[in-house]
Protein backbone atom coordinates (compact mmCIF):
# COMPACT_ATOMS: atom_id res chain seq x y z
CA MET A 1 10.01 49.17 20.69
CA SER A 2 11.70 52.01 22.54
CA ALA A 3 12.08 51.88 26.31
CA LEU A 4 13.52 53.71 29.32
CA TYR A 5 16.10 52.08 31.59
CA HIS A 6 16.71 53.13 35.19
CA GLY A 7 20.34 52.40 35.89
CA ILE A 8 23.54 52.73 37.86
CA VAL A 9 26.97 53.63 36.49
CA THR A 10 30.12 52.61 38.37
CA HIS A 11 33.82 53.18 37.70
CA SER A 12 36.62 51.45 39.56
CA ARG A 13 40.15 52.57 38.79
CA PHE A 14 42.85 50.14 39.92
CA ALA A 15 46.11 51.76 38.85
CA PRO A 16 48.17 53.82 39.28
CA LYS A 17 45.80 55.08 42.00
CA GLN A 18 42.60 53.51 43.26
CA HIS A 19 39.44 55.50 42.70
CA LYS A 20 35.75 54.62 42.65
CA LEU A 21 32.52 56.36 41.69
CA LYS A 22 28.87 55.40 41.51
CA TYR A 23 25.97 57.40 40.04
CA ARG A 24 22.28 56.78 39.39
CA ILE A 25 21.24 57.55 35.82
CA PHE A 26 18.63 56.68 33.24
CA SER A 27 19.01 55.91 29.54
CA LEU A 28 16.69 55.57 26.58
CA LEU A 29 16.74 52.62 24.24
CA LEU A 30 15.44 54.14 21.01
CA ASP A 31 14.32 52.27 17.91
CA LEU A 32 15.90 54.54 15.30
CA ALA A 33 13.27 53.62 12.69
CA THR A 34 10.37 54.89 14.84
CA LEU A 35 11.80 58.10 16.32
CA ASP A 36 9.27 60.35 14.60
CA GLU A 37 6.37 58.16 15.73
CA GLU A 38 7.69 58.23 19.30
CA ALA A 39 7.99 62.01 19.23
CA ALA A 40 4.48 62.36 17.80
CA ARG A 41 2.83 60.35 20.58
CA LEU A 42 4.78 61.90 23.47
CA ARG A 43 4.46 65.41 24.88
CA LEU A 44 7.75 65.40 26.79
CA PHE A 45 10.01 64.00 24.05
CA SER A 46 10.87 65.58 20.70
CA ARG A 47 13.19 64.97 17.79
CA ASN A 48 15.40 67.84 16.63
CA ARG A 49 13.56 70.48 18.65
CA PHE A 50 13.54 71.75 22.21
CA ASN A 51 11.60 69.87 24.86
CA LEU A 52 12.07 68.54 28.37
CA PHE A 53 13.69 65.52 26.67
CA SER A 54 14.91 65.59 23.09
CA PHE A 55 16.93 63.65 20.56
CA HIS A 56 19.01 65.62 18.05
CA ASP A 57 20.38 63.86 14.99
CA ARG A 58 23.53 65.99 14.94
CA ASP A 59 24.62 64.55 18.31
CA TYR A 60 25.25 61.14 16.72
CA GLY A 61 27.14 59.49 13.89
CA ASP A 62 28.88 62.01 11.68
CA GLY A 63 26.41 64.70 12.76
CA SER A 64 25.22 65.39 9.23
CA GLY A 65 21.95 63.49 9.02
CA SER A 66 19.94 60.50 10.14
CA PRO A 67 21.71 58.32 12.74
CA LEU A 68 19.77 55.36 11.34
CA LEU A 69 21.17 55.82 7.84
CA TRP A 70 24.63 56.40 9.28
CA ALA A 71 24.48 53.20 11.36
CA GLN A 72 23.21 51.25 8.34
CA ALA A 73 26.15 52.61 6.34
CA GLN A 74 28.53 51.25 8.97
CA MET A 75 26.86 47.83 8.73
CA ARG A 76 27.34 47.92 4.97
CA ALA A 77 30.98 48.97 5.33
CA ALA A 78 31.54 46.01 7.65
CA GLY A 79 30.05 43.59 5.12
CA LEU A 80 26.68 43.18 6.83
CA ASP A 81 23.37 43.55 4.99
CA PRO A 82 21.41 46.49 6.46
CA VAL A 83 18.21 45.73 4.48
CA ASN A 84 15.32 45.23 6.92
CA SER A 85 17.76 45.60 9.80
CA ARG A 86 16.62 46.89 13.17
CA ILE A 87 18.92 49.28 14.99
CA THR A 88 18.34 50.47 18.53
CA LEU A 89 20.40 53.11 20.32
CA LEU A 90 21.10 53.19 24.06
CA THR A 91 21.78 56.79 25.01
CA MET A 92 20.85 59.65 27.31
CA PRO A 93 18.62 62.29 25.72
CA ARG A 94 19.14 65.99 25.87
CA ILE A 95 17.44 67.47 28.93
CA PHE A 96 16.21 71.05 28.52
CA GLY A 97 18.39 71.17 25.40
CA TYR A 98 21.65 69.98 26.95
CA GLY A 99 23.15 66.55 26.41
CA PHE A 100 26.42 64.71 26.75
CA ASN A 101 26.98 60.97 26.34
CA PRO A 102 30.39 59.51 27.16
CA VAL A 103 29.25 56.29 25.43
CA SER A 104 26.20 55.58 23.26
CA VAL A 105 25.61 52.01 22.10
CA TYR A 106 23.97 50.93 18.83
CA PHE A 107 22.58 47.38 18.71
CA CYS A 108 22.47 46.30 15.07
CA HIS A 109 20.06 43.45 14.33
CA GLY A 110 19.76 41.63 11.01
CA ALA A 111 16.58 40.98 9.06
CA ASP A 112 16.10 37.77 11.06
CA GLY A 113 16.14 39.71 14.34
CA ALA A 114 19.50 38.32 15.49
CA LEU A 115 22.04 40.74 16.94
CA ARG A 116 24.77 41.09 14.31
CA ALA A 117 27.00 43.85 15.67
CA ILE A 118 27.41 46.46 18.37
CA LEU A 119 28.69 49.94 17.62
CA TYR A 120 30.14 51.88 20.56
CA GLU A 121 30.14 55.64 19.97
CA VAL A 122 32.53 57.35 22.38
CA LYS A 123 32.75 61.07 23.06
CA ASN A 124 35.28 63.07 25.03
CA THR A 125 34.92 66.46 26.67
CA PHE A 126 36.98 68.08 23.88
CA GLY A 127 34.11 67.87 21.39
CA GLN A 128 35.46 64.80 19.58
CA ARG A 129 33.82 61.43 18.92
CA HIS A 130 34.88 58.04 17.61
CA SER A 131 33.11 54.71 17.15
CA TYR A 132 34.12 51.07 17.42
CA PHE A 133 32.10 48.66 15.24
CA ILE A 134 32.40 45.05 16.45
CA PRO A 135 30.55 42.03 15.03
CA VAL A 136 28.59 39.66 17.26
CA SER A 137 28.86 35.90 17.02
CA GLY A 138 26.13 33.78 18.62
CA GLY A 139 23.48 34.77 21.12
CA GLY A 140 23.28 35.41 24.85
CA ILE A 141 25.96 37.37 26.66
CA VAL A 142 28.23 39.21 24.20
CA ARG A 143 31.99 39.41 24.77
CA GLN A 144 34.12 41.65 22.55
CA SER A 145 37.52 43.34 22.53
CA CYS A 146 39.34 46.09 20.68
CA ASN A 147 42.38 48.32 21.01
CA LYS A 148 41.90 51.85 22.29
CA VAL A 149 42.55 54.39 19.54
CA PHE A 150 40.63 57.43 20.81
CA TYR A 151 41.63 59.81 23.61
CA VAL A 152 38.99 59.97 26.34
CA SER A 153 40.21 60.49 29.91
CA PRO A 154 43.23 62.78 30.22
CA PHE A 155 44.44 60.54 33.06
CA MET A 156 44.61 57.33 31.01
CA ASP A 157 47.25 56.16 28.56
CA MET A 158 46.44 55.31 24.95
CA ASP A 159 48.13 51.90 24.97
CA LEU A 160 45.10 50.05 26.33
CA THR A 161 42.73 47.28 25.32
CA TYR A 162 38.97 47.40 25.89
CA ASP A 163 37.10 44.24 26.84
CA PHE A 164 33.30 44.47 26.64
CA THR A 165 30.76 42.17 28.27
CA VAL A 166 27.20 43.00 27.21
CA GLN A 167 23.85 41.64 28.26
CA PRO A 168 21.69 43.05 25.42
CA PRO A 169 18.68 45.09 26.57
CA ASP A 170 15.59 43.14 27.60
CA LYS A 171 13.91 43.41 31.00
CA THR A 172 17.36 44.35 32.25
CA LEU A 173 20.65 45.35 30.64
CA ARG A 174 24.28 45.18 31.64
CA LEU A 175 27.39 46.66 30.07
CA LEU A 176 30.83 46.04 31.57
CA ILE A 177 34.03 47.54 30.13
CA PHE A 178 37.54 46.67 31.28
CA ALA A 179 40.45 48.84 30.15
CA SER A 180 43.74 46.96 30.48
CA ASN A 181 47.42 47.46 29.74
CA ALA A 182 50.23 44.89 29.60
CA GLN A 183 50.22 44.61 33.40
CA GLY A 184 46.47 43.99 33.69
CA PRO A 185 43.19 45.89 34.20
CA VAL A 186 43.47 49.58 35.08
CA LEU A 187 39.76 50.47 34.96
CA ALA A 188 36.39 48.74 35.13
CA ALA A 189 33.24 50.63 34.16
CA SER A 190 29.72 49.25 34.30
CA LEU A 191 26.15 50.21 33.47
CA THR A 192 23.22 48.20 34.76
CA GLY A 193 19.57 49.02 34.17
CA ARG A 194 16.00 47.82 34.46
CA ARG A 195 13.41 48.43 31.78
CA ALA A 196 10.37 50.70 31.97
CA ASP A 197 7.86 51.70 29.32
CA PHE A 198 8.66 54.77 27.23
CA THR A 199 5.75 57.04 28.15
CA ASP A 200 5.19 60.60 29.31
CA THR A 201 4.57 59.25 32.79
CA THR A 202 7.90 57.43 33.01
CA LEU A 203 9.69 60.42 31.48
CA LEU A 204 8.18 62.75 34.06
CA ARG A 205 9.19 60.38 36.84
CA ALA A 206 12.71 60.27 35.43
CA ALA A 207 12.85 64.07 35.35
CA CYS A 208 12.00 64.10 39.05
CA ALA A 209 14.28 61.21 40.01
CA TYR A 210 17.30 62.44 38.01
CA PRO A 211 16.94 66.23 37.73
CA LEU A 212 19.23 67.85 35.15
CA LEU A 213 20.99 64.52 34.66
CA THR A 214 23.08 65.46 31.63
CA LEU A 215 24.41 68.59 33.33
CA LYS A 216 25.28 66.46 36.36
CA VAL A 217 27.13 64.01 34.12
CA MET A 218 29.38 66.74 32.78
CA ALA A 219 29.85 68.27 36.24
CA GLY A 220 30.60 64.84 37.65
CA ILE A 221 33.28 64.18 35.04
CA HIS A 222 35.13 67.33 36.04
CA TRP A 223 34.59 66.74 39.76
CA GLU A 224 36.05 63.23 39.55
CA ALA A 225 38.92 64.59 37.43
CA ALA A 226 39.72 67.11 40.17
CA LYS A 227 39.83 64.32 42.74
CA LEU A 228 42.17 62.27 40.53
CA TRP A 229 44.44 65.31 40.18
CA LEU A 230 44.55 65.70 43.97
CA LYS A 231 45.49 62.01 44.25
CA GLY A 232 48.58 62.75 42.20
CA LEU A 233 47.57 61.70 38.67
CA ARG A 234 48.85 63.95 35.91
CA LEU A 235 47.52 64.68 32.43
CA ARG A 236 48.51 62.57 29.47
CA PRO A 237 49.17 64.45 26.21
CA ARG A 238 46.24 64.43 23.81
CA PRO A 239 47.14 62.94 20.41
CA ALA A 240 45.44 63.77 17.15
CA PRO A 241 42.13 61.93 16.70
CA PRO A 242 42.05 58.78 14.53
CA ALA A 243 42.17 59.34 10.79
CA THR A 244 38.82 57.56 10.38
CA ALA A 245 35.61 58.14 12.35
CA VAL A 246 34.93 54.43 12.86
CA SER A 247 37.23 51.55 13.79
CA PHE A 248 36.02 48.23 12.37
CA VAL A 249 36.96 45.14 14.34
CA THR A 250 36.78 41.67 12.79
CA ASP A 251 35.86 38.42 14.52
CA SER A 252 39.57 37.76 14.92
CA GLY A 253 40.07 41.09 16.69
CA ILE A 254 41.82 42.82 13.80
CA GLN A 255 41.07 46.52 13.80
CA SER A 256 40.96 48.84 10.79
């Protein structure tokens, strides 16, 4: 069932300059199979049309259709059976029609309910997106790794490794990402959240607690970038995006 999570995002940059930020946000955990039912029962949330909060299919996946079908296609491409799967998406909605998600996270569950894979969909401020599909082994806290192949921050090199630690959403959630080079970690980013029901009441409270959140996210990205520039960091050249829209990582860490 879909839910709302009140959360905090932090970034700690360790090298070549130290820099920290901390923001209060909220996210939605959406069951992609019940989006239309959710929109029908809520006044403040809509799918593919304007509202205070909205979810637009074109903001996700390849932008051409249902994010659920797209995510199921990625499961199939990775050798996982998507039949009777349950896929939930942790993301920020559009607010008054505007949305931007640096990272959206798909939790892909098998027919038995077990978490089989996590798909991290990353966007940059240049209108590009790329996803990392990583299988899950076992239950409890999830730990995963992959090589960075997609340009995000103009102040970070491409030769980095991502290490993910994920507490899957329940009453609380936690996502920790370390970006490291050969010398060690250069950045730690985290998202923590506590669950609330997905109702018009909680949505209205979120609108009051985090006014124009998605606009603030974009403004905050550029504000923090300006501060990094003043600290002496300089822009890295932006390479061409990856040839494929999704990087598939095996249990052994091999990426394709």
